Protein backbone atom coordinates (compact mmCIF):
# COMPACT_ATOMS: atom_id res chain seq x y z
CA MET A 1 -11.03 -68.88 18.87
CA THR A 2 -13.61 -66.47 20.31
CA SER A 3 -15.76 -64.90 17.61
CA LYS A 4 -17.26 -61.42 17.97
CA HIS A 5 -20.68 -60.39 16.75
CA LYS A 6 -22.20 -56.92 16.56
CA ILE A 7 -25.94 -56.42 16.04
CA ILE A 8 -26.91 -52.84 15.24
CA ILE A 9 -30.49 -51.62 15.27
CA GLY A 10 -30.29 -48.87 12.71
CA ASP A 11 -30.12 -47.78 9.09
CA SER A 12 -27.46 -49.54 7.01
CA ARG A 13 -27.33 -46.70 4.50
CA LYS A 14 -24.89 -45.15 6.99
CA MET A 15 -22.76 -47.82 8.64
CA GLU A 16 -20.75 -45.47 10.84
CA GLU A 17 -19.94 -48.28 13.27
CA VAL A 18 -17.93 -50.16 10.63
CA GLU A 19 -14.46 -48.97 9.66
CA ASP A 20 -13.17 -48.93 6.09
CA GLU A 21 -11.92 -52.26 4.71
CA THR A 22 -12.67 -54.39 7.78
CA VAL A 23 -15.28 -56.78 6.32
CA HIS A 24 -14.38 -59.82 4.24
CA LEU A 25 -17.80 -60.98 3.06
CA MET A 26 -21.29 -59.53 2.78
CA VAL A 27 -24.30 -61.87 2.65
CA THR A 28 -27.78 -60.38 2.58
CA SER A 29 -31.31 -60.41 1.21
CA PRO A 30 -32.70 -56.85 1.02
CA PRO A 31 -36.32 -55.72 0.69
CA TYR A 32 -37.40 -56.44 -2.88
CA PRO A 33 -38.55 -53.33 -4.77
CA MET A 34 -42.09 -53.54 -6.12
CA ILE A 35 -43.06 -56.49 -3.90
CA ASP A 36 -46.10 -55.15 -2.04
CA ILE A 37 -45.09 -56.47 1.40
CA TRP A 38 -42.06 -54.15 1.26
CA ASP A 39 -43.93 -50.99 0.13
CA ASP A 40 -44.23 -49.62 3.66
CA THR A 41 -40.55 -50.24 4.35
CA PHE A 42 -39.51 -48.15 1.36
CA LYS A 43 -42.04 -45.44 2.28
CA TYR A 44 -40.45 -45.29 5.72
CA LEU A 45 -36.94 -45.10 4.28
CA ASP A 46 -37.69 -42.32 1.80
CA GLU A 47 -40.40 -39.68 2.11
CA ARG A 48 -40.26 -39.10 -1.65
CA ILE A 49 -41.50 -42.65 -2.22
CA ALA A 50 -44.38 -42.20 0.23
CA LYS A 51 -45.48 -38.98 -1.48
CA LYS A 52 -45.36 -40.54 -4.94
CA TRP A 53 -47.54 -43.47 -3.82
CA GLU A 54 -50.10 -40.93 -2.56
CA LYS A 55 -49.96 -39.00 -5.83
CA ILE A 56 -50.83 -42.07 -7.89
CA GLU A 57 -54.48 -41.85 -6.83
CA GLU A 58 -54.75 -38.31 -8.24
CA VAL A 59 -53.34 -38.68 -11.77
CA ASN A 60 -54.31 -40.16 -15.11
CA GLU A 61 -53.01 -43.47 -16.46
CA THR A 62 -50.09 -41.97 -18.41
CA GLU A 63 -48.83 -40.03 -15.39
CA LYS A 64 -49.40 -43.03 -13.16
CA ASP A 65 -47.07 -45.16 -15.28
CA THR A 66 -44.38 -42.48 -15.04
CA ILE A 67 -44.72 -42.30 -11.25
CA ILE A 68 -44.46 -46.07 -10.92
CA ARG A 69 -41.17 -46.00 -12.81
CA GLU A 70 -39.94 -43.16 -10.59
CA ILE A 71 -40.85 -45.12 -7.44
CA TYR A 72 -39.00 -48.15 -8.76
CA GLU A 73 -35.88 -46.06 -9.41
CA LEU A 74 -36.05 -44.45 -5.94
CA MET A 75 -36.34 -47.85 -4.27
CA HIS A 76 -33.13 -48.99 -5.97
CA GLU A 77 -31.48 -45.64 -5.26
CA ASN A 78 -31.99 -46.31 -1.55
CA LEU A 79 -30.60 -49.84 -1.84
CA GLY A 80 -27.70 -48.37 -3.81
CA LYS A 81 -26.68 -46.30 -0.78
CA VAL A 82 -26.26 -49.55 1.13
CA TRP A 83 -24.17 -51.09 -1.66
CA GLU A 84 -21.92 -47.99 -1.55
CA GLU A 85 -21.36 -48.52 2.15
CA VAL A 86 -20.68 -52.21 1.58
CA TYR A 87 -18.01 -51.33 -0.98
CA ARG A 88 -16.39 -48.98 1.52
CA VAL A 89 -16.19 -51.50 4.35
CA LEU A 90 -15.09 -54.50 2.29
CA VAL A 91 -11.41 -55.41 2.16
CA SER A 92 -9.69 -55.53 -1.21
CA GLY A 93 -10.86 -58.77 -2.78
CA GLY A 94 -13.87 -58.96 -0.47
CA ILE A 95 -17.05 -60.58 -1.77
CA ALA A 96 -20.66 -59.30 -1.72
CA CYS A 97 -23.52 -61.78 -2.13
CA ILE A 98 -27.01 -60.37 -2.65
CA ASN A 99 -30.09 -62.60 -2.73
CA ILE A 100 -32.85 -60.79 -4.60
CA GLY A 101 -35.87 -61.74 -6.65
CA ASP A 102 -37.56 -59.95 -9.52
CA ALA A 103 -41.09 -58.64 -8.97
CA THR A 104 -44.29 -59.01 -10.98
CA ARG A 105 -47.11 -56.57 -10.50
CA SER A 106 -50.06 -55.06 -12.34
CA PHE A 107 -50.57 -51.32 -12.76
CA ASN A 108 -53.20 -49.69 -15.00
CA GLY A 109 -54.37 -53.19 -15.88
CA VAL A 110 -50.97 -54.06 -17.32
CA PHE A 111 -49.01 -57.00 -15.87
CA ARG A 112 -45.22 -56.58 -15.99
CA VAL A 113 -41.96 -57.67 -14.42
CA PHE A 114 -39.62 -55.39 -12.49
CA PRO A 115 -36.12 -56.86 -13.02
CA ASN A 116 -34.60 -56.16 -9.62
CA HIS A 117 -31.52 -58.28 -10.23
CA SER A 118 -30.47 -56.22 -13.24
CA LYS A 119 -30.92 -52.93 -11.36
CA VAL A 120 -28.74 -54.19 -8.50
CA ILE A 121 -26.03 -55.20 -10.98
CA GLU A 122 -26.28 -51.79 -12.64
CA TYR A 123 -25.85 -49.94 -9.32
CA CYS A 124 -23.04 -52.18 -8.06
CA GLU A 125 -21.03 -51.86 -11.27
CA LYS A 126 -21.34 -48.06 -11.12
CA ILE A 127 -19.97 -48.19 -7.59
CA GLY A 128 -16.95 -50.18 -8.78
CA PHE A 129 -17.77 -53.80 -7.99
CA VAL A 130 -16.62 -56.58 -10.31
CA THR A 131 -19.61 -58.75 -11.28
CA LEU A 132 -18.99 -62.48 -10.96
CA PRO A 133 -21.14 -65.40 -12.20
CA TYR A 134 -24.38 -65.47 -10.24
CA ILE A 135 -26.46 -68.30 -8.78
CA LEU A 136 -30.07 -69.06 -9.65
CA TRP A 137 -31.86 -70.24 -6.53
CA LYS A 138 -34.77 -72.40 -7.65
CA LYS A 139 -37.31 -72.72 -4.89
CA PRO A 140 -39.09 -76.09 -5.12
CA THR A 141 -41.99 -74.86 -2.98
CA THR A 142 -42.79 -71.89 -5.19
CA LYS A 143 -46.10 -72.32 -7.00
CA PRO A 144 -47.52 -69.98 -9.62
CA LYS A 145 -50.56 -68.13 -8.35
CA TYR A 146 -53.10 -65.81 -9.82
CA LYS A 147 -55.42 -63.90 -7.48
CA GLY A 148 -54.49 -66.33 -4.72
CA VAL A 149 -55.33 -69.43 -6.74
CA GLY A 150 -52.69 -71.93 -7.86
CA ALA A 151 -52.60 -71.42 -11.63
CA PHE A 152 -50.29 -70.24 -14.37
CA LEU A 153 -50.63 -66.57 -15.17
CA GLY A 154 -52.58 -65.97 -18.34
CA SER A 155 -55.26 -67.69 -20.37
CA GLY A 156 -55.04 -71.37 -19.57
CA MET A 157 -53.85 -73.42 -22.55
CA LEU A 158 -54.51 -70.71 -25.15
CA PRO A 159 -51.61 -68.71 -26.62
CA PRO A 160 -50.30 -66.05 -26.69
CA ASN A 161 -51.19 -64.18 -23.46
CA ALA A 162 -49.82 -66.39 -20.66
CA TYR A 163 -46.75 -65.45 -18.61
CA VAL A 164 -43.69 -67.36 -17.50
CA THR A 165 -43.74 -68.08 -13.76
CA LEU A 166 -40.96 -66.63 -11.62
CA ASP A 167 -39.72 -69.65 -9.68
CA CYS A 168 -36.08 -68.58 -9.28
CA GLU A 169 -34.35 -65.88 -7.28
CA PHE A 170 -30.88 -64.54 -7.92
CA ILE A 171 -27.85 -64.74 -5.66
CA LEU A 172 -25.69 -62.03 -7.21
CA ILE A 173 -21.98 -62.20 -6.47
CA PHE A 174 -19.61 -59.24 -6.65
CA ARG A 175 -15.97 -58.69 -5.74
CA LYS A 176 -14.14 -55.52 -4.70
CA GLY A 177 -11.14 -55.38 -6.99
CA LYS A 178 -8.83 -58.32 -7.58
CA PRO A 179 -8.95 -61.64 -5.64
CA ARG A 180 -7.67 -61.71 -2.06
CA ILE A 181 -4.04 -62.61 -1.52
CA PHE A 182 -2.99 -65.11 1.15
CA LYS A 183 0.35 -66.26 2.48
CA PRO A 184 1.46 -69.70 1.21
CA LYS A 185 -0.26 -72.50 3.15
CA ASP A 186 -2.25 -70.08 5.31
CA LYS A 187 -3.44 -72.25 8.24
CA LEU A 188 -6.88 -70.69 8.59
CA ARG A 189 -7.49 -70.86 4.86
CA TYR A 190 -6.63 -74.57 4.79
CA ALA A 191 -8.74 -75.18 7.89
CA SER A 192 -11.68 -73.56 6.09
CA ARG A 193 -11.58 -75.67 2.95
CA TYR A 194 -14.61 -77.50 1.61
CA THR A 195 -14.77 -81.02 0.23
CA LYS A 196 -14.76 -81.98 -3.43
CA GLU A 197 -18.41 -83.01 -3.11
CA GLU A 198 -19.30 -79.63 -1.58
CA ARG A 199 -17.40 -77.79 -4.29
CA ASN A 200 -19.19 -79.68 -7.04
CA LYS A 201 -22.59 -79.04 -5.45
CA TRP A 202 -22.11 -75.43 -4.41
CA PHE A 203 -20.22 -73.99 -7.37
CA THR A 204 -22.95 -74.75 -9.87
CA GLN A 205 -25.29 -72.06 -11.11
CA ILE A 206 -28.60 -73.61 -10.07
CA TRP A 207 -29.36 -74.34 -6.42
CA ASP A 208 -32.42 -76.33 -5.35
CA ILE A 209 -33.08 -75.27 -1.76
CA ILE A 210 -36.49 -75.19 -0.13
CA GLY A 211 -37.46 -71.60 0.67
CA THR A 212 -38.43 -70.36 4.12
CA LYS A 213 -41.56 -68.40 4.93
CA GLN A 214 -42.58 -68.13 8.51
CA SER A 215 -44.92 -66.24 10.76
CA HIS A 216 -43.32 -65.70 14.16
CA PRO A 217 -45.68 -65.39 17.15
CA LYS A 218 -43.73 -62.45 18.59
CA ILE A 219 -44.44 -60.07 15.72
CA GLU A 220 -47.50 -59.25 13.66
CA ARG A 221 -46.13 -59.08 10.13
CA ARG A 222 -44.90 -62.05 8.15
CA ILE A 223 -41.19 -62.64 7.86
CA SER A 224 -39.54 -63.67 4.64
CA ALA A 225 -36.17 -65.20 5.42
CA PHE A 226 -33.68 -67.25 3.49
CA PRO A 227 -33.02 -70.72 4.91
CA GLU A 228 -29.79 -71.26 6.83
CA GLU A 229 -28.42 -73.37 4.00
CA VAL A 230 -28.00 -70.28 1.80
CA PRO A 231 -25.68 -68.25 4.09
CA TYR A 232 -24.01 -71.50 5.19
CA ARG A 233 -22.89 -72.25 1.65
CA LEU A 234 -21.93 -68.66 0.83
CA ILE A 235 -19.91 -68.19 4.02
CA ARG A 236 -18.07 -71.46 3.45
CA MET A 237 -17.46 -70.60 -0.21
CA PHE A 238 -16.25 -67.03 0.15
CA SER A 239 -14.66 -66.57 3.59
CA ILE A 240 -12.26 -68.27 5.98
CA ILE A 241 -12.33 -68.90 9.72
CA GLY A 242 -11.84 -65.62 11.58
CA ASP A 243 -13.17 -63.42 8.77
CA THR A 244 -15.91 -60.85 9.37
CA VAL A 245 -19.28 -61.32 7.66
CA LEU A 246 -21.70 -58.41 7.22
CA ASP A 247 -25.47 -58.50 6.70
CA PRO A 248 -26.92 -54.97 6.25
CA PHE A 249 -30.51 -56.36 6.23
CA LEU A 250 -30.26 -58.80 9.10
CA GLY A 251 -33.96 -59.59 9.50
CA THR A 252 -34.33 -62.38 12.06
CA GLY A 253 -30.58 -62.94 12.39
CA THR A 254 -29.97 -65.95 10.16
CA THR A 255 -26.62 -64.69 8.84
CA THR A 256 -25.33 -63.96 12.35
CA LYS A 257 -26.37 -67.40 13.57
CA VAL A 258 -24.58 -69.17 10.72
CA ALA A 259 -21.47 -66.98 10.96
CA LEU A 260 -21.26 -67.78 14.68
CA TYR A 261 -21.56 -71.51 13.99
CA LEU A 262 -18.81 -71.33 11.35
CA ASN A 263 -16.35 -69.45 13.57
CA ARG A 264 -16.60 -66.19 11.66
CA ASN A 265 -17.13 -62.76 13.19
CA SER A 266 -20.20 -60.85 12.11
CA ILE A 267 -21.92 -57.47 11.89
CA GLY A 268 -25.63 -57.16 11.27
CA TYR A 269 -27.86 -54.14 10.72
CA GLU A 270 -31.63 -54.26 11.16
CA ILE A 271 -33.84 -51.17 11.02
CA ASP A 272 -36.89 -52.83 12.62
CA ARG A 273 -36.23 -53.04 16.36
CA ASN A 274 -39.31 -55.26 16.75
CA LEU A 275 -37.16 -58.07 15.35
CA LEU A 276 -34.54 -57.78 18.11
CA PRO A 277 -36.18 -60.34 20.46
CA ILE A 278 -36.29 -62.83 17.57
CA ILE A 279 -32.67 -62.13 16.67
CA LYS A 280 -31.64 -62.70 20.30
CA GLU A 281 -33.57 -65.96 20.37
CA LYS A 282 -32.13 -67.22 17.07
CA VAL A 283 -28.55 -66.30 17.93
CA GLY A 284 -28.94 -67.86 21.37
CA ILE A 285 -28.22 -64.78 23.46
CA THR A 286 -31.00 -65.55 25.93
CA GLN A 287 -29.54 -69.01 26.61
CA LYS A 288 -25.86 -68.04 26.31
CA LEU A 289 -23.58 -69.65 28.85
CA LEU A 290 -20.78 -67.76 30.57
CA ASN A 291 -18.13 -69.99 29.01
CA SER A 292 -19.49 -69.71 25.44
CA ASP A 293 -16.81 -69.02 22.85
CA TYR A 294 -18.48 -65.97 21.28
CA LEU A 295 -19.25 -62.40 22.27
CA VAL A 296 -22.31 -60.42 21.16
CA GLU A 297 -22.71 -56.64 21.30
CA ILE A 298 -26.08 -55.02 20.56
CA ILE A 299 -26.26 -51.33 19.64
CA ASP A 300 -29.51 -49.39 19.23
CA LYS A 301 -28.50 -46.30 17.24
CA ASP A 302 -31.69 -44.28 17.64
CA ARG A 303 -31.95 -44.88 21.37
CA LYS A 304 -28.18 -44.59 21.82
CA GLU A 305 -28.11 -47.76 23.90
CA THR A 306 -25.55 -50.56 24.03
CA PHE A 307 -26.33 -53.94 25.60
């Protein structure tokens, strides 16, 4: 079976290249609102966000708090446009898996949490998704830090002003409508089954998987990427051989690589064209042999180029 993979350099808030109800599974990790490394991304996506960040320097503390809340809402509004598109392109019974972490940040001298996972659930339910039990991804390598120093947030051993450390991220799971229907003894479905051991390990709410943070020599900024084990499990759990897997925030191409390996088709959107060489390298396009059993199409929307 020859799998087909489409990599699109462009904005996933408008996935014009994807027809209605043609995707079976979405696996992604979007930019996390209120995490400072993603501030510039959201400013680029929405001019309103950029202007509000500029305005913060000119207002008093009360107005500043209001603006921060407005920025937070606008960030999720922009992500919500992607979730609307995902709902459109998913087949009936299709699954959407969103890896997202909450954010902690101080403004006006006040430390607080921004509960990104709950905002995503709120937006997805308004769109029409059915919320399913989620996974807590506990990252063993995560260490609490304060001002760059490994320490718990707060006042040492003295109550009551310390804070709980965020050492888990959420893998939210949604379905479009009722479960998918298959013909009795569907061959591809049976060929895609997992073992009892895999079922017992994967379908539990807490996953212990070492996180991935890397700095690639081909680009200046740091890349935050989920390890291959995360999309591997999700693709095995919620799709069958021959299905199409979508990642609207492709990053370095991890989802495409795993989908290819598991004999699924894939579509990936990435707005930062600087990541394209890394995607090509990860997916193996630069070393691809003529007799390889997969096809890759690359589309650059802004430059109107197809490779």
